[in-house]
Amino acid sequence: MKISMIVAVADNGAIGKDNKMLWHIPEDFKYFKATTMGKPMIMGRKTFESIGRPLPGRLNIVVTRDQSWQADGVLVCHDLDTALSAAFAEAKAKNAGEVMIVGGAQIYAMMMERAERIYYTEVHCEYDHDATFPALDKAIWQEVSREDHQGDGRDKPNYSFVVFERI
């Protein structure tokens, strides 16, 4: 079973600030939905809270150290191994082929060595931030596809959908 990450990253490594997205690119939301639909998703509690609700059409697994935290419509796990076991079981049952890691910064950092594919939206702008995505080591990650797109300003800058696979 493949472990994949999906992330949008600014040119300076930024992925968020104050638990919020830094840009608004509707096409990236559509890409995220199309890429994750029908696949189990693992995310941290803060990422779930920033989304504000479970995303339909896929199992939402939320990882938190807070033993008392709960939310409707999600599977709560208190460590990544438990979350991965649940995600693998769901992916197998749904014939999904991959498990999606959808953030945030801490979850991405912990999963970087285990991931085999990254769906990486390059946001061609720099932003003030407090959350980053780990730098990609080109000796480990190979670009396998790229689609470049034009934006229309700072809120919707130029962007590229890039897929990397572990060498």
N, C-alpha and C. Protein backbone atom coordinates (compact mmCIF):
# COMPACT_ATOMS: atom_id res chain seq x y z
N MET A 1 0.85 -1.19 0.00
CA MET A 1 0.00 0.00 0.00
C MET A 1 0.89 1.24 0.00
N LYS A 2 0.60 2.15 -0.90
CA LYS A 2 1.41 3.36 -1.05
C LYS A 2 0.97 4.44 -0.06
N ILE A 3 1.96 5.12 0.54
CA ILE A 3 1.70 6.30 1.37
C ILE A 3 2.07 7.52 0.54
N SER A 4 1.09 8.39 0.33
CA SER A 4 1.29 9.60 -0.46
C SER A 4 0.95 10.82 0.38
N MET A 5 1.63 11.92 0.07
CA MET A 5 1.32 13.19 0.72
C MET A 5 0.79 14.14 -0.34
N ILE A 6 -0.09 15.04 0.08
CA ILE A 6 -0.56 16.10 -0.81
C ILE A 6 -0.41 17.41 -0.06
N VAL A 7 0.19 18.39 -0.74
CA VAL A 7 0.54 19.65 -0.07
C VAL A 7 0.65 20.77 -1.10
N ALA A 8 0.36 21.99 -0.68
CA ALA A 8 0.63 23.18 -1.48
C ALA A 8 1.68 23.99 -0.74
N VAL A 9 2.77 24.35 -1.44
CA VAL A 9 3.93 24.97 -0.80
C VAL A 9 4.36 26.21 -1.59
N ALA A 10 4.56 27.31 -0.88
CA ALA A 10 5.06 28.54 -1.52
C ALA A 10 6.55 28.38 -1.82
N ASP A 11 7.07 29.28 -2.63
CA ASP A 11 8.48 29.22 -3.01
C ASP A 11 9.42 29.26 -1.82
N ASN A 12 9.00 29.87 -0.70
CA ASN A 12 9.84 29.94 0.49
C ASN A 12 9.51 28.84 1.51
N GLY A 13 8.82 27.79 1.07
CA GLY A 13 8.53 26.65 1.94
C GLY A 13 7.28 26.80 2.78
N ALA A 14 6.62 27.96 2.70
CA ALA A 14 5.44 28.23 3.53
C ALA A 14 4.26 27.34 3.14
N ILE A 15 3.57 26.83 4.17
CA ILE A 15 2.31 26.12 3.93
C ILE A 15 1.15 26.73 4.72
N GLY A 16 1.44 27.61 5.67
CA GLY A 16 0.35 28.22 6.42
C GLY A 16 0.84 29.22 7.45
N LYS A 17 -0.13 29.94 8.00
CA LYS A 17 0.14 30.86 9.11
C LYS A 17 -1.13 30.97 9.95
N ASP A 18 -0.95 30.90 11.26
CA ASP A 18 -2.08 30.98 12.19
C ASP A 18 -3.15 29.95 11.84
N ASN A 19 -2.70 28.77 11.43
CA ASN A 19 -3.59 27.65 11.09
C ASN A 19 -4.52 27.97 9.92
N LYS A 20 -4.03 28.80 8.98
CA LYS A 20 -4.82 29.17 7.81
C LYS A 20 -3.97 29.04 6.55
N MET A 21 -4.66 28.83 5.42
CA MET A 21 -3.99 28.85 4.12
C MET A 21 -3.58 30.28 3.80
N LEU A 22 -2.54 30.43 3.00
CA LEU A 22 -1.99 31.74 2.68
C LEU A 22 -2.46 32.28 1.33
N TRP A 23 -3.14 31.47 0.55
CA TRP A 23 -3.57 31.84 -0.79
C TRP A 23 -4.92 31.19 -1.05
N HIS A 24 -5.56 31.60 -2.14
CA HIS A 24 -6.84 31.02 -2.52
C HIS A 24 -6.75 30.65 -4.00
N ILE A 25 -6.55 29.36 -4.25
CA ILE A 25 -6.45 28.86 -5.62
C ILE A 25 -7.53 27.79 -5.79
N PRO A 26 -8.70 28.17 -6.33
CA PRO A 26 -9.81 27.21 -6.46
C PRO A 26 -9.42 25.93 -7.19
N GLU A 27 -8.55 26.05 -8.19
CA GLU A 27 -8.13 24.86 -8.94
C GLU A 27 -7.35 23.89 -8.06
N ASP A 28 -6.63 24.42 -7.06
CA ASP A 28 -5.90 23.55 -6.15
C ASP A 28 -6.86 22.80 -5.24
N PHE A 29 -7.95 23.46 -4.82
CA PHE A 29 -8.96 22.76 -4.03
C PHE A 29 -9.58 21.63 -4.85
N LYS A 30 -9.84 21.88 -6.13
CA LYS A 30 -10.40 20.84 -7.01
C LYS A 30 -9.40 19.69 -7.18
N TYR A 31 -8.14 20.03 -7.35
CA TYR A 31 -7.08 19.02 -7.49
C TYR A 31 -6.99 18.18 -6.22
N PHE A 32 -7.03 18.83 -5.06
CA PHE A 32 -7.01 18.12 -3.78
C PHE A 32 -8.18 17.15 -3.69
N LYS A 33 -9.37 17.62 -4.01
CA LYS A 33 -10.56 16.77 -3.94
C LYS A 33 -10.44 15.58 -4.88
N ALA A 34 -10.07 15.83 -6.13
CA ALA A 34 -9.95 14.75 -7.11
C ALA A 34 -8.89 13.73 -6.71
N THR A 35 -7.79 14.21 -6.14
CA THR A 35 -6.68 13.32 -5.78
C THR A 35 -6.97 12.50 -4.54
N THR A 36 -7.73 13.05 -3.60
CA THR A 36 -7.98 12.36 -2.33
C THR A 36 -9.30 11.60 -2.29
N MET A 37 -10.22 11.86 -3.21
CA MET A 37 -11.55 11.26 -3.15
C MET A 37 -11.47 9.73 -3.13
N GLY A 38 -12.19 9.13 -2.19
CA GLY A 38 -12.25 7.68 -2.06
C GLY A 38 -11.07 7.06 -1.36
N LYS A 39 -10.12 7.89 -0.93
CA LYS A 39 -8.91 7.38 -0.26
C LYS A 39 -8.91 7.84 1.19
N PRO A 40 -8.45 7.01 2.12
CA PRO A 40 -8.36 7.47 3.51
C PRO A 40 -7.32 8.58 3.64
N MET A 41 -7.66 9.59 4.45
CA MET A 41 -6.78 10.74 4.67
C MET A 41 -6.39 10.80 6.14
N ILE A 42 -5.10 11.04 6.38
CA ILE A 42 -4.59 11.24 7.74
C ILE A 42 -4.18 12.70 7.87
N MET A 43 -4.64 13.33 8.96
CA MET A 43 -4.29 14.73 9.22
C MET A 43 -4.15 14.95 10.71
N GLY A 44 -3.45 16.01 11.06
CA GLY A 44 -3.35 16.41 12.45
C GLY A 44 -4.61 17.14 12.90
N ARG A 45 -4.77 17.27 14.19
CA ARG A 45 -5.95 17.94 14.76
C ARG A 45 -6.08 19.38 14.28
N LYS A 46 -4.97 20.12 14.26
CA LYS A 46 -5.05 21.53 13.85
C LYS A 46 -5.50 21.64 12.39
N THR A 47 -5.02 20.75 11.54
CA THR A 47 -5.45 20.76 10.14
C THR A 47 -6.95 20.49 10.06
N PHE A 48 -7.42 19.48 10.80
CA PHE A 48 -8.85 19.20 10.80
C PHE A 48 -9.64 20.43 11.26
N GLU A 49 -9.19 21.05 12.34
CA GLU A 49 -9.91 22.21 12.86
C GLU A 49 -9.89 23.38 11.88
N SER A 50 -8.83 23.51 11.09
CA SER A 50 -8.79 24.59 10.09
C SER A 50 -9.76 24.31 8.95
N ILE A 51 -9.97 23.03 8.62
CA ILE A 51 -10.95 22.66 7.60
C ILE A 51 -12.36 22.87 8.16
N GLY A 52 -12.55 22.49 9.41
CA GLY A 52 -13.80 22.77 10.10
C GLY A 52 -14.87 21.70 10.04
N ARG A 53 -14.63 20.66 9.23
CA ARG A 53 -15.62 19.58 9.10
C ARG A 53 -14.95 18.40 8.40
N PRO A 54 -15.54 17.21 8.54
CA PRO A 54 -15.01 16.08 7.78
C PRO A 54 -15.25 16.30 6.29
N LEU A 55 -14.29 15.92 5.48
CA LEU A 55 -14.47 16.02 4.03
C LEU A 55 -15.19 14.77 3.54
N PRO A 56 -16.26 14.94 2.76
CA PRO A 56 -17.06 13.78 2.34
C PRO A 56 -16.35 12.90 1.32
N GLY A 57 -16.79 11.65 1.26
CA GLY A 57 -16.31 10.72 0.24
C GLY A 57 -14.99 10.06 0.55
N ARG A 58 -14.49 10.24 1.77
CA ARG A 58 -13.24 9.61 2.17
C ARG A 58 -13.18 9.56 3.70
N LEU A 59 -12.52 8.54 4.23
CA LEU A 59 -12.35 8.44 5.67
C LEU A 59 -11.38 9.51 6.14
N ASN A 60 -11.81 10.32 7.11
CA ASN A 60 -10.98 11.36 7.70
C ASN A 60 -10.42 10.82 9.01
N ILE A 61 -9.12 10.64 9.08
CA ILE A 61 -8.46 10.15 10.29
C ILE A 61 -7.68 11.32 10.89
N VAL A 62 -7.99 11.64 12.14
CA VAL A 62 -7.36 12.78 12.81
C VAL A 62 -6.45 12.26 13.90
N VAL A 63 -5.18 12.69 13.87
CA VAL A 63 -4.20 12.29 14.87
C VAL A 63 -4.04 13.42 15.88
N THR A 64 -4.19 13.08 17.16
CA THR A 64 -4.02 14.05 18.24
C THR A 64 -3.49 13.35 19.47
N ARG A 65 -2.67 14.07 20.24
CA ARG A 65 -2.19 13.52 21.51
C ARG A 65 -3.23 13.71 22.62
N ASP A 66 -4.20 14.57 22.39
CA ASP A 66 -5.23 14.87 23.39
C ASP A 66 -6.21 13.70 23.48
N GLN A 67 -6.12 12.94 24.56
CA GLN A 67 -6.94 11.73 24.72
C GLN A 67 -8.43 12.04 24.81
N SER A 68 -8.79 13.26 25.17
CA SER A 68 -10.21 13.59 25.33
C SER A 68 -10.82 14.24 24.09
N TRP A 69 -9.99 14.55 23.08
CA TRP A 69 -10.49 15.24 21.90
C TRP A 69 -11.35 14.30 21.06
N GLN A 70 -12.45 14.82 20.55
CA GLN A 70 -13.30 14.04 19.65
C GLN A 70 -14.02 14.97 18.70
N ALA A 71 -14.46 14.42 17.59
CA ALA A 71 -15.23 15.18 16.61
C ALA A 71 -16.12 14.20 15.85
N ASP A 72 -17.28 14.67 15.46
CA ASP A 72 -18.20 13.82 14.70
C ASP A 72 -17.67 13.59 13.29
N GLY A 73 -17.88 12.39 12.79
CA GLY A 73 -17.58 12.09 11.40
C GLY A 73 -16.13 11.80 11.09
N VAL A 74 -15.29 11.65 12.12
CA VAL A 74 -13.88 11.33 11.90
C VAL A 74 -13.48 10.16 12.78
N LEU A 75 -12.40 9.50 12.41
CA LEU A 75 -11.78 8.50 13.25
C LEU A 75 -10.62 9.18 13.97
N VAL A 76 -10.64 9.17 15.29
CA VAL A 76 -9.59 9.81 16.08
C VAL A 76 -8.57 8.75 16.48
N CYS A 77 -7.29 9.03 16.23
CA CYS A 77 -6.19 8.16 16.64
C CYS A 77 -5.20 9.00 17.44
N HIS A 78 -4.49 8.33 18.33
CA HIS A 78 -3.57 9.07 19.21
C HIS A 78 -2.11 8.85 18.87
N ASP A 79 -1.85 8.13 17.77
CA ASP A 79 -0.48 8.00 17.26
C ASP A 79 -0.56 7.65 15.78
N LEU A 80 0.54 7.91 15.07
CA LEU A 80 0.55 7.70 13.62
C LEU A 80 0.47 6.23 13.23
N ASP A 81 1.06 5.34 14.00
CA ASP A 81 1.00 3.93 13.63
C ASP A 81 -0.43 3.40 13.65
N THR A 82 -1.20 3.80 14.67
CA THR A 82 -2.60 3.40 14.73
C THR A 82 -3.37 4.01 13.56
N ALA A 83 -3.09 5.27 13.26
CA ALA A 83 -3.75 5.94 12.13
C ALA A 83 -3.42 5.24 10.81
N LEU A 84 -2.16 4.87 10.62
CA LEU A 84 -1.76 4.18 9.39
C LEU A 84 -2.42 2.82 9.27
N SER A 85 -2.49 2.08 10.37
CA SER A 85 -3.16 0.77 10.35
C SER A 85 -4.61 0.91 9.91
N ALA A 86 -5.30 1.89 10.48
CA ALA A 86 -6.71 2.12 10.12
C ALA A 86 -6.82 2.55 8.66
N ALA A 87 -5.92 3.41 8.22
CA ALA A 87 -5.94 3.89 6.83
C ALA A 87 -5.66 2.76 5.85
N PHE A 88 -4.69 1.90 6.17
CA PHE A 88 -4.38 0.76 5.29
C PHE A 88 -5.58 -0.17 5.18
N ALA A 89 -6.24 -0.44 6.31
CA ALA A 89 -7.42 -1.32 6.30
C ALA A 89 -8.53 -0.72 5.43
N GLU A 90 -8.76 0.58 5.58
CA GLU A 90 -9.79 1.27 4.79
C GLU A 90 -9.43 1.27 3.30
N ALA A 91 -8.17 1.56 2.98
CA ALA A 91 -7.73 1.59 1.59
C ALA A 91 -7.88 0.21 0.95
N LYS A 92 -7.54 -0.83 1.70
CA LYS A 92 -7.68 -2.19 1.18
C LYS A 92 -9.16 -2.52 0.94
N ALA A 93 -10.01 -2.18 1.90
CA ALA A 93 -11.45 -2.45 1.78
C ALA A 93 -12.06 -1.70 0.60
N LYS A 94 -11.58 -0.50 0.33
CA LYS A 94 -12.13 0.33 -0.76
C LYS A 94 -11.34 0.19 -2.06
N ASN A 95 -10.29 -0.65 -2.04
CA ASN A 95 -9.45 -0.83 -3.22
C ASN A 95 -8.86 0.51 -3.68
N ALA A 96 -8.41 1.31 -2.72
CA ALA A 96 -7.97 2.68 -3.00
C ALA A 96 -6.55 2.77 -3.55
N GLY A 97 -5.65 1.88 -3.16
CA GLY A 97 -4.30 1.91 -3.70
C GLY A 97 -3.31 2.79 -2.97
N GLU A 98 -3.81 3.83 -2.29
CA GLU A 98 -2.91 4.68 -1.53
C GLU A 98 -3.63 5.34 -0.36
N VAL A 99 -2.82 5.70 0.62
CA VAL A 99 -3.27 6.43 1.81
C VAL A 99 -2.74 7.84 1.66
N MET A 100 -3.56 8.84 1.95
CA MET A 100 -3.18 10.24 1.75
C MET A 100 -2.85 10.92 3.08
N ILE A 101 -1.69 11.54 3.14
CA ILE A 101 -1.28 12.37 4.28
C ILE A 101 -1.56 13.81 3.85
N VAL A 102 -2.43 14.52 4.60
CA VAL A 102 -2.88 15.84 4.14
C VAL A 102 -2.46 16.98 5.07
N GLY A 103 -1.58 16.71 6.03
CA GLY A 103 -1.05 17.80 6.87
C GLY A 103 -1.42 17.66 8.32
N GLY A 104 -0.97 18.58 9.08
CA GLY A 104 -0.17 19.75 8.79
C GLY A 104 1.33 19.50 8.92
N ALA A 105 2.03 20.57 9.27
CA ALA A 105 3.49 20.58 9.24
C ALA A 105 4.10 19.45 10.06
N GLN A 106 3.61 19.20 11.26
CA GLN A 106 4.18 18.14 12.10
C GLN A 106 3.95 16.76 11.49
N ILE A 107 2.76 16.53 10.97
CA ILE A 107 2.45 15.23 10.36
C ILE A 107 3.31 15.03 9.11
N TYR A 108 3.44 16.07 8.28
CA TYR A 108 4.30 15.95 7.10
C TYR A 108 5.72 15.59 7.51
N ALA A 109 6.27 16.28 8.50
CA ALA A 109 7.65 16.03 8.93
C ALA A 109 7.81 14.59 9.42
N MET A 110 6.84 14.10 10.18
CA MET A 110 6.93 12.74 10.71
C MET A 110 6.78 11.68 9.62
N MET A 111 6.07 12.00 8.55
CA MET A 111 5.79 11.01 7.50
C MET A 111 6.74 11.10 6.31
N MET A 112 7.62 12.09 6.28
CA MET A 112 8.48 12.31 5.12
C MET A 112 9.29 11.06 4.74
N GLU A 113 9.83 10.37 5.73
CA GLU A 113 10.67 9.20 5.42
C GLU A 113 9.86 7.98 5.01
N ARG A 114 8.55 7.99 5.26
CA ARG A 114 7.71 6.84 4.93
C ARG A 114 6.93 7.02 3.64
N ALA A 115 6.81 8.25 3.19
CA ALA A 115 6.03 8.54 1.98
C ALA A 115 6.75 8.04 0.73
N GLU A 116 5.95 7.64 -0.26
CA GLU A 116 6.49 7.17 -1.53
C GLU A 116 6.17 8.11 -2.68
N ARG A 117 5.14 8.95 -2.50
CA ARG A 117 4.73 9.89 -3.54
C ARG A 117 4.29 11.19 -2.86
N ILE A 118 4.54 12.31 -3.56
CA ILE A 118 4.08 13.61 -3.07
C ILE A 118 3.38 14.33 -4.22
N TYR A 119 2.11 14.66 -4.00
CA TYR A 119 1.36 15.54 -4.89
C TYR A 119 1.62 16.95 -4.37
N TYR A 120 2.39 17.71 -5.11
CA TYR A 120 3.02 18.93 -4.60
C TYR A 120 2.59 20.11 -5.46
N THR A 121 1.76 20.98 -4.93
CA THR A 121 1.40 22.20 -5.66
C THR A 121 2.43 23.26 -5.31
N GLU A 122 3.22 23.67 -6.31
CA GLU A 122 4.17 24.76 -6.12
C GLU A 122 3.41 26.07 -6.30
N VAL A 123 3.41 26.90 -5.27
CA VAL A 123 2.76 28.21 -5.33
C VAL A 123 3.88 29.23 -5.53
N HIS A 124 3.90 29.85 -6.71
CA HIS A 124 5.04 30.68 -7.11
C HIS A 124 4.93 32.10 -6.55
N CYS A 125 5.12 32.17 -5.23
CA CYS A 125 5.08 33.43 -4.49
C CYS A 125 5.71 33.14 -3.13
N GLU A 126 6.05 34.17 -2.38
CA GLU A 126 6.57 33.97 -1.02
C GLU A 126 5.63 34.64 -0.03
N TYR A 127 5.50 34.03 1.15
CA TYR A 127 4.54 34.49 2.15
C TYR A 127 5.17 34.46 3.54
N ASP A 128 4.70 35.36 4.40
CA ASP A 128 5.00 35.29 5.82
C ASP A 128 4.28 34.05 6.34
N HIS A 129 4.95 33.28 7.21
CA HIS A 129 4.37 31.99 7.58
C HIS A 129 4.87 31.54 8.95
N ASP A 130 4.19 30.55 9.51
CA ASP A 130 4.68 29.89 10.72
C ASP A 130 4.66 28.37 10.58
N ALA A 131 4.30 27.88 9.40
CA ALA A 131 4.32 26.44 9.13
C ALA A 131 4.98 26.20 7.78
N THR A 132 5.88 25.22 7.74
CA THR A 132 6.61 24.92 6.51
C THR A 132 6.53 23.44 6.18
N PHE A 133 6.84 23.14 4.93
CA PHE A 133 6.96 21.76 4.46
C PHE A 133 8.45 21.47 4.36
N PRO A 134 8.88 20.26 4.75
CA PRO A 134 10.32 19.94 4.66
C PRO A 134 10.84 20.09 3.23
N ALA A 135 12.07 20.57 3.10
CA ALA A 135 12.69 20.69 1.78
C ALA A 135 12.82 19.31 1.15
N LEU A 136 12.60 19.25 -0.16
CA LEU A 136 12.71 17.97 -0.87
C LEU A 136 14.15 17.74 -1.30
N ASP A 137 14.69 16.61 -0.93
CA ASP A 137 16.03 16.20 -1.33
C ASP A 137 15.93 15.57 -2.72
N LYS A 138 16.49 16.24 -3.72
CA LYS A 138 16.38 15.77 -5.11
C LYS A 138 17.14 14.45 -5.34
N ALA A 139 17.98 14.04 -4.38
CA ALA A 139 18.64 12.74 -4.48
C ALA A 139 17.67 11.62 -4.10
N ILE A 140 16.58 11.98 -3.43
CA ILE A 140 15.60 11.00 -2.97
C ILE A 140 14.30 11.08 -3.77
N TRP A 141 13.93 12.31 -4.18
CA TRP A 141 12.65 12.55 -4.85
C TRP A 141 12.85 12.91 -6.31
N GLN A 142 12.15 12.21 -7.19
CA GLN A 142 12.23 12.46 -8.63
C GLN A 142 10.90 13.03 -9.12
N GLU A 143 10.98 14.13 -9.87
CA GLU A 143 9.78 14.70 -10.47
C GLU A 143 9.31 13.79 -11.60
N VAL A 144 8.02 13.39 -11.56
CA VAL A 144 7.49 12.50 -12.60
C VAL A 144 6.43 13.18 -13.46
N SER A 145 5.87 14.30 -12.99
CA SER A 145 4.94 15.05 -13.83
C SER A 145 4.85 16.49 -13.34
N ARG A 146 4.46 17.38 -14.27
CA ARG A 146 4.33 18.81 -13.95
C ARG A 146 3.30 19.43 -14.88
N GLU A 147 2.41 20.24 -14.29
CA GLU A 147 1.47 21.07 -15.05
C GLU A 147 1.58 22.49 -14.52
N ASP A 148 1.99 23.44 -15.36
CA ASP A 148 2.13 24.84 -14.95
C ASP A 148 0.84 25.60 -15.27
N HIS A 149 0.46 26.51 -14.35
CA HIS A 149 -0.78 27.27 -14.51
C HIS A 149 -0.54 28.74 -14.17
N GLN A 150 -1.26 29.62 -14.86
CA GLN A 150 -1.19 31.06 -14.62
C GLN A 150 -2.20 31.47 -13.56
N GLY A 151 -1.77 32.33 -12.66
CA GLY A 151 -2.68 32.90 -11.68
C GLY A 151 -3.11 34.29 -12.12
N ASP A 152 -3.67 35.04 -11.17
CA ASP A 152 -4.09 36.40 -11.52
C ASP A 152 -3.75 37.40 -10.41
N GLY A 153 -2.68 37.13 -9.66
CA GLY A 153 -2.27 38.07 -8.62
C GLY A 153 -1.79 37.36 -7.36
N ARG A 154 -1.60 38.14 -6.27
CA ARG A 154 -1.04 37.59 -5.03
C ARG A 154 -1.96 36.57 -4.36
N ASP A 155 -3.27 36.83 -4.37
CA ASP A 155 -4.19 35.86 -3.76
C ASP A 155 -4.28 34.59 -4.60
N LYS A 156 -4.10 34.73 -5.90
CA LYS A 156 -4.08 33.57 -6.78
C LYS A 156 -2.85 33.68 -7.69
N PRO A 157 -1.68 33.32 -7.15
CA PRO A 157 -0.44 33.43 -7.93
C PRO A 157 -0.32 32.30 -8.96
N ASN A 158 0.73 32.39 -9.77
CA ASN A 158 1.05 31.27 -10.65
C ASN A 158 1.32 30.04 -9.79
N TYR A 159 1.02 28.86 -10.32
CA TYR A 159 1.20 27.63 -9.55
C TYR A 159 1.46 26.48 -10.50
N SER A 160 1.99 25.40 -9.95
CA SER A 160 2.28 24.19 -10.73
C SER A 160 1.86 22.97 -9.92
N PHE A 161 1.20 22.03 -10.59
CA PHE A 161 0.91 20.74 -9.99
C PHE A 161 2.07 19.81 -10.36
N VAL A 162 2.80 19.36 -9.35
CA VAL A 162 3.98 18.51 -9.57
C VAL A 162 3.80 17.22 -8.78
N VAL A 163 4.19 16.11 -9.36
CA VAL A 163 4.17 14.84 -8.63
C VAL A 163 5.61 14.36 -8.52
N PHE A 164 6.01 14.03 -7.29
CA PHE A 164 7.33 13.47 -7.02
C PHE A 164 7.15 12.04 -6.53
N GLU A 165 8.09 11.18 -6.92
CA GLU A 165 8.11 9.81 -6.40
C GLU A 165 9.49 9.53 -5.82
N ARG A 166 9.48 8.75 -4.77
CA ARG A 166 10.74 8.36 -4.13
C ARG A 166 11.53 7.50 -5.11
N ILE A 167 12.83 7.81 -5.23
CA ILE A 167 13.72 7.07 -6.14
C ILE A 167 14.05 5.72 -5.52
